Amino acid sequence: MDRKLIAIVVAVVGIILVGSFFIILALLKESGGLLPMKGAVALVEIEGVMHSSEGVISEIEEYRKSESVGAIVIRIDSPGGGVVVANEIFKEIQRARQDGKPVVVSMGSVAASGGYYVACAADKIVANPGTVTGSIGVIMGFPNLEELLRKVGVKFETIKSGRYKDTGSPVRQMRDDEREMLEEVVEDVWEQFVGVVSEQRNLPLEEVEEIADGRILTGNRAKELGLIDQFGTLHDAIMLAAELAEIEGEPRIVKKRRVFRLLDLLGEFFVRVSRSDSPFSLEYRMTMP
């Protein structure tokens, strides 16, 4: 074989090997390190209204299974969201703890309603004295367009299989028995929320019920009531998580890179649209002024 050709082949192979090496290094760095040592603290962020649990659960699950991650910090800056969404994230945090991964929640400016529900799953909750939290309660709402439709001359006919099949319809006034039925549903979900707070925070049920009327609380008041554990920054929460995981020294921080793609934005849009179409969207959400 011609020496020049051999040199070209060797050079190409060398470039491929060197490139592969750096790619592997980058992937290992992204996943938390080169060695299976539990020296890393993973950071998962929950921001804004919680419309979907898929992304957060995927991150927690990955870190739960990673041998290089010793603990997980959940940074919450959210007024809450869907009841099921909050519950699904709550359950995944519990799985992480059951698998031996300490979980610490760091509250940002707002961690209320469903945001607080999620926080209750953690080993420890760290907040700022000025954090807005609490808002323990459930909300369900939908518009009544009956008067508007009457003014524009639109009539809406409904054929249904049962008395309650169109409960929550925006084209007519709600009946008293329908309101009573929906209030029972809200009450049921509210009791679930109160029960979770009571159990996870080791508080008497009666004490939780007294403040579970939707009121918002400062971090300072929440600490007095036993709803959080201590004051601190995100860094304090990370160091606490490292301590619980018995990580010596300054822990390595593992965090997913957020890549916003058109498909992700469209997916979020369709999730919101699909939820808005349902009259029975129960939410653990603080009403924003």
Protein backbone atom coordinates (compact mmCIF):
# COMPACT_ATOMS: atom_id res chain seq x y z
CA MET A 1 0.00 0.00 0.00
CA ASP A 2 1.23 3.45 -0.83
CA ARG A 3 2.83 5.20 2.17
CA LYS A 4 0.86 8.36 1.46
CA LEU A 5 -2.41 6.43 1.58
CA ILE A 6 -1.36 4.72 4.82
CA ALA A 7 -0.58 8.09 6.35
CA ILE A 8 -3.98 9.43 5.35
CA VAL A 9 -5.76 6.39 6.84
CA VAL A 10 -3.79 6.67 10.08
CA ALA A 11 -4.58 10.39 10.29
CA VAL A 12 -8.30 9.83 9.73
CA VAL A 13 -8.42 7.04 12.32
CA GLY A 14 -6.52 9.24 14.76
CA ILE A 15 -8.95 12.12 14.28
CA ILE A 16 -11.91 9.78 14.82
CA LEU A 17 -10.38 8.34 18.01
CA VAL A 18 -9.49 11.74 19.44
CA GLY A 19 -12.93 13.11 18.56
CA SER A 20 -14.64 10.12 20.14
CA PHE A 21 -12.54 10.56 23.27
CA PHE A 22 -13.64 14.17 23.73
CA ILE A 23 -17.27 13.32 22.98
CA ILE A 24 -17.20 10.60 25.65
CA LEU A 25 -15.62 13.03 28.10
CA ALA A 26 -18.37 15.56 27.43
CA LEU A 27 -21.10 12.95 27.90
CA LEU A 28 -19.55 11.72 31.13
CA LYS A 29 -19.29 15.27 32.41
CA GLU A 30 -22.94 15.89 31.54
CA SER A 31 -24.03 12.69 33.32
CA GLY A 32 -22.16 13.54 36.48
CA GLY A 33 -18.58 12.34 36.33
CA LEU A 34 -16.09 9.71 35.31
CA LEU A 35 -16.21 7.46 38.32
CA PRO A 36 -19.21 5.85 40.04
CA MET A 37 -18.56 7.82 43.24
CA LYS A 38 -21.48 9.46 44.96
CA GLY A 39 -19.79 12.85 45.01
CA ALA A 40 -22.35 14.80 43.03
CA VAL A 41 -25.52 16.65 43.97
CA ALA A 42 -28.08 16.84 41.18
CA LEU A 43 -30.13 20.00 40.73
CA VAL A 44 -33.65 19.78 39.29
CA GLU A 45 -35.62 22.96 38.63
CA ILE A 46 -39.40 23.41 38.71
CA GLU A 47 -40.40 26.81 37.39
CA GLY A 48 -43.74 28.40 36.56
CA VAL A 49 -47.16 26.77 36.58
CA MET A 50 -46.87 22.98 36.60
CA HIS A 51 -48.71 21.85 33.49
CA SER A 52 -46.75 18.62 32.94
CA SER A 53 -44.70 16.27 35.11
CA GLU A 54 -42.88 14.38 32.37
CA GLY A 55 -39.68 16.44 32.17
CA VAL A 56 -39.17 16.74 35.93
CA ILE A 57 -39.89 13.06 36.54
CA SER A 58 -37.44 12.08 33.79
CA GLU A 59 -34.66 14.11 35.44
CA ILE A 60 -35.34 12.80 38.94
CA GLU A 61 -35.52 9.22 37.67
CA GLU A 62 -32.18 9.57 35.88
CA TYR A 63 -30.47 10.95 38.99
CA ARG A 64 -32.17 8.37 41.18
CA LYS A 65 -30.55 5.60 39.13
CA SER A 66 -27.16 7.31 38.70
CA GLU A 67 -24.33 5.91 40.81
CA SER A 68 -22.43 9.20 40.60
CA VAL A 69 -25.25 11.21 42.20
CA GLY A 70 -25.46 11.07 45.97
CA ALA A 71 -28.30 13.52 46.59
CA ILE A 72 -30.88 15.60 44.75
CA VAL A 73 -31.92 19.22 45.25
CA ILE A 74 -35.27 20.34 43.86
CA ARG A 75 -35.41 24.09 43.24
CA ILE A 76 -39.05 25.20 43.23
CA ASP A 77 -40.22 28.56 41.95
CA SER A 78 -43.84 27.78 41.16
CA PRO A 79 -47.36 28.78 42.27
CA GLY A 80 -48.50 25.18 41.71
CA GLY A 81 -50.48 23.53 38.96
CA GLY A 82 -52.41 20.39 38.16
CA VAL A 83 -53.31 18.05 41.02
CA VAL A 84 -52.11 14.95 39.18
CA VAL A 85 -48.94 16.69 38.00
CA ALA A 86 -47.98 17.62 41.57
CA ASN A 87 -48.80 14.14 42.84
CA GLU A 88 -46.73 12.42 40.14
CA ILE A 89 -43.66 14.53 40.93
CA PHE A 90 -44.27 13.93 44.64
CA LYS A 91 -44.26 10.16 44.08
CA GLU A 92 -41.02 10.25 42.07
CA ILE A 93 -39.28 12.19 44.85
CA GLN A 94 -40.44 9.54 47.29
CA ARG A 95 -38.97 6.84 45.06
CA ALA A 96 -35.62 8.62 45.10
CA ARG A 97 -35.67 8.70 48.89
CA GLN A 98 -36.66 5.04 49.06
CA ASP A 99 -33.65 4.25 46.87
CA GLY A 100 -31.37 5.95 49.36
CA LYS A 101 -31.00 9.35 47.69
CA PRO A 102 -31.55 12.27 50.08
CA VAL A 103 -33.75 14.97 48.57
CA VAL A 104 -33.74 18.60 49.68
CA VAL A 105 -36.13 21.25 48.37
CA SER A 106 -34.92 24.81 47.90
CA MET A 107 -37.78 27.30 47.64
CA GLY A 108 -37.37 30.34 45.41
CA SER A 109 -39.59 33.41 45.36
CA VAL A 110 -42.78 31.32 45.22
CA ALA A 111 -43.38 27.71 46.19
CA ALA A 112 -47.09 27.67 46.90
CA SER A 113 -50.02 25.26 46.64
CA GLY A 114 -48.89 22.47 44.30
CA GLY A 115 -45.34 23.78 44.65
CA TYR A 116 -45.60 23.23 48.39
CA TYR A 117 -47.27 19.84 47.86
CA VAL A 118 -44.22 18.70 45.89
CA ALA A 119 -41.88 20.11 48.55
CA CYS A 120 -43.51 17.96 51.22
CA ALA A 121 -42.01 14.85 49.62
CA ALA A 122 -38.44 15.93 50.44
CA ASP A 123 -36.28 15.07 53.44
CA LYS A 124 -35.77 18.76 54.17
CA ILE A 125 -37.27 22.05 52.97
CA VAL A 126 -35.10 25.17 52.79
CA ALA A 127 -36.69 28.57 52.10
CA ASN A 128 -36.09 32.29 52.33
CA PRO A 129 -37.96 34.25 55.04
CA GLY A 130 -39.62 36.19 52.22
CA THR A 131 -40.60 33.17 50.13
CA VAL A 132 -44.32 33.06 49.31
CA THR A 133 -45.59 29.60 50.18
CA GLY A 134 -48.62 27.93 51.74
CA SER A 135 -51.82 28.38 49.70
CA ILE A 136 -52.83 24.88 50.75
CA GLY A 137 -56.04 24.24 48.90
CA VAL A 138 -57.76 23.19 45.69
CA ILE A 139 -59.37 25.28 42.98
CA MET A 140 -61.69 24.51 40.08
CA GLY A 141 -63.10 27.17 37.82
CA PHE A 142 -64.80 27.65 34.47
CA PRO A 143 -66.65 30.51 32.77
CA ASN A 144 -70.39 31.01 32.41
CA LEU A 145 -71.11 32.48 28.98
CA GLU A 146 -74.89 32.13 29.14
CA GLU A 147 -75.64 35.88 29.27
CA LEU A 148 -73.12 36.68 26.55
CA LEU A 149 -74.54 34.04 24.22
CA ARG A 150 -78.07 35.29 24.85
CA LYS A 151 -77.05 38.84 23.92
CA VAL A 152 -75.53 37.75 20.61
CA GLY A 153 -78.47 35.46 19.85
CA VAL A 154 -76.70 32.12 20.11
CA LYS A 155 -78.56 29.10 21.46
CA PHE A 156 -76.75 25.91 22.38
CA GLU A 157 -78.54 22.55 22.39
CA THR A 158 -77.17 19.60 24.37
CA ILE A 159 -78.10 15.92 24.13
CA LYS A 160 -76.70 13.97 27.07
CA SER A 161 -76.87 10.49 28.55
CA GLY A 162 -77.32 11.58 32.15
CA ARG A 163 -78.23 14.50 34.39
CA TYR A 164 -74.64 15.40 35.24
CA LYS A 165 -72.99 14.71 31.88
CA ASP A 166 -72.72 18.41 30.98
CA THR A 167 -71.89 19.69 34.44
CA GLY A 168 -69.55 22.62 34.08
CA SER A 169 -70.87 23.59 30.68
CA PRO A 170 -70.03 27.25 29.94
CA VAL A 171 -73.30 27.78 28.06
CA ARG A 172 -75.68 27.59 31.03
CA GLN A 173 -76.00 28.41 34.70
CA MET A 174 -74.86 25.70 37.09
CA ARG A 175 -77.58 24.00 39.14
CA ASP A 176 -77.36 23.79 42.93
CA ASP A 177 -77.03 19.99 42.92
CA GLU A 178 -74.17 20.24 40.41
CA ARG A 179 -72.36 22.79 42.56
CA GLU A 180 -72.78 20.51 45.56
CA MET A 181 -71.35 17.58 43.62
CA LEU A 182 -68.29 19.56 42.50
CA GLU A 183 -67.75 20.90 46.00
CA GLU A 184 -67.59 17.30 47.21
CA VAL A 185 -64.92 16.56 44.61
CA VAL A 186 -62.88 19.59 45.65
CA GLU A 187 -63.32 18.66 49.32
CA ASP A 188 -62.04 15.13 48.63
CA VAL A 189 -58.89 16.40 46.90
CA TRP A 190 -58.41 19.04 49.62
CA GLU A 191 -58.47 16.31 52.27
CA GLN A 192 -55.78 14.45 50.34
CA PHE A 193 -53.60 17.59 50.32
CA VAL A 194 -54.11 18.20 54.04
CA GLY A 195 -53.35 14.56 54.79
CA VAL A 196 -50.08 14.72 52.86
CA VAL A 197 -48.94 17.85 54.69
CA SER A 198 -49.90 16.38 58.07
CA GLU A 199 -48.09 13.10 57.42
CA GLN A 200 -44.97 14.43 55.71
CA ARG A 201 -44.43 17.35 58.08
CA ASN A 202 -45.45 15.38 61.17
CA LEU A 203 -48.11 17.92 62.14
CA PRO A 204 -51.50 17.30 63.78
CA LEU A 205 -54.24 17.13 61.17
CA GLU A 206 -56.28 19.76 63.00
CA GLU A 207 -53.42 22.28 62.86
CA VAL A 208 -53.00 21.80 59.13
CA GLU A 209 -56.75 22.15 58.53
CA GLU A 210 -56.73 25.53 60.30
CA ILE A 211 -54.31 27.02 57.76
CA ALA A 212 -55.46 25.01 54.73
CA ASP A 213 -57.94 27.63 53.56
CA GLY A 214 -55.86 28.83 50.63
CA ARG A 215 -54.04 31.56 52.56
CA ILE A 216 -50.51 32.39 51.45
CA LEU A 217 -47.68 32.44 53.99
CA THR A 218 -44.23 33.95 54.13
CA GLY A 219 -41.29 31.64 54.61
CA ASN A 220 -40.91 33.16 58.06
CA ARG A 221 -44.46 32.23 59.07
CA ALA A 222 -44.16 28.82 57.42
CA LYS A 223 -41.15 28.02 59.60
CA GLU A 224 -43.06 29.03 62.73
CA LEU A 225 -45.84 26.63 61.71
CA GLY A 226 -43.45 23.77 60.93
CA LEU A 227 -44.14 23.79 57.20
CA ILE A 228 -40.45 24.24 56.33
CA ASP A 229 -37.26 23.21 58.12
CA GLN A 230 -34.82 26.09 57.86
CA PHE A 231 -33.87 29.32 56.14
CA GLY A 232 -31.17 29.36 53.52
CA THR A 233 -30.10 29.89 49.94
CA LEU A 234 -29.89 27.42 47.09
CA HIS A 235 -26.23 26.87 48.01
CA ASP A 236 -27.25 26.12 51.59
CA ALA A 237 -29.73 23.53 50.29
CA ILE A 238 -27.02 21.94 48.16
CA MET A 239 -24.62 21.74 51.10
CA LEU A 240 -27.37 20.26 53.28
CA ALA A 241 -28.09 17.62 50.65
CA ALA A 242 -24.37 16.80 50.47
CA GLU A 243 -24.27 16.46 54.24
CA LEU A 244 -27.24 14.08 54.25
CA ALA A 245 -25.51 12.01 51.55
CA GLU A 246 -22.24 12.09 53.52
CA ILE A 247 -20.38 13.77 50.67
CA GLU A 248 -17.15 15.29 51.96
CA GLY A 249 -16.01 18.71 50.82
CA GLU A 250 -17.60 20.85 48.14
CA PRO A 251 -19.95 18.65 46.09
CA ARG A 252 -20.00 18.60 42.31
CA ILE A 253 -23.23 20.01 40.90
CA VAL A 254 -24.99 18.11 38.13
CA LYS A 255 -27.64 19.97 36.18
CA LYS A 256 -29.40 19.27 32.92
CA ARG A 257 -28.88 21.78 30.17
CA ARG A 258 -32.18 23.32 29.16
CA VAL A 259 -32.49 23.27 25.37
CA PHE A 260 -35.65 25.03 24.21
CA ARG A 261 -36.74 23.62 20.90
CA LEU A 262 -39.74 24.43 18.75
CA LEU A 263 -41.23 20.97 19.38
CA ASP A 264 -40.93 21.46 23.15
CA LEU A 265 -42.73 24.81 22.95
CA LEU A 266 -45.46 23.33 20.77
CA GLY A 267 -45.84 20.40 23.16
CA GLU A 268 -46.26 22.76 26.11
CA PHE A 269 -48.80 24.78 24.15
CA PHE A 270 -50.92 21.72 23.32
CA VAL A 271 -50.78 20.54 26.95
CA ARG A 272 -52.21 23.89 28.05
CA VAL A 273 -54.86 23.87 25.34
CA SER A 274 -55.97 20.33 26.19
CA ARG A 275 -56.27 21.25 29.86
CA SER A 276 -58.24 24.39 29.09
CA ASP A 277 -60.76 22.31 27.13
CA SER A 278 -61.61 20.29 30.24
CA PRO A 279 -64.10 21.88 32.67
CA PHE A 280 -62.85 19.66 35.48
CA SER A 281 -59.20 20.69 35.71
CA LEU A 282 -58.50 20.41 39.44
CA GLU A 283 -55.49 22.40 40.52
CA TYR A 284 -53.26 22.91 43.51
CA ARG A 285 -52.51 26.45 42.37
CA MET A 286 -52.17 29.84 43.99
CA THR A 287 -54.28 32.48 42.25
CA MET A 288 -51.92 35.14 40.96
CA PRO A 289 -52.97 38.81 41.33
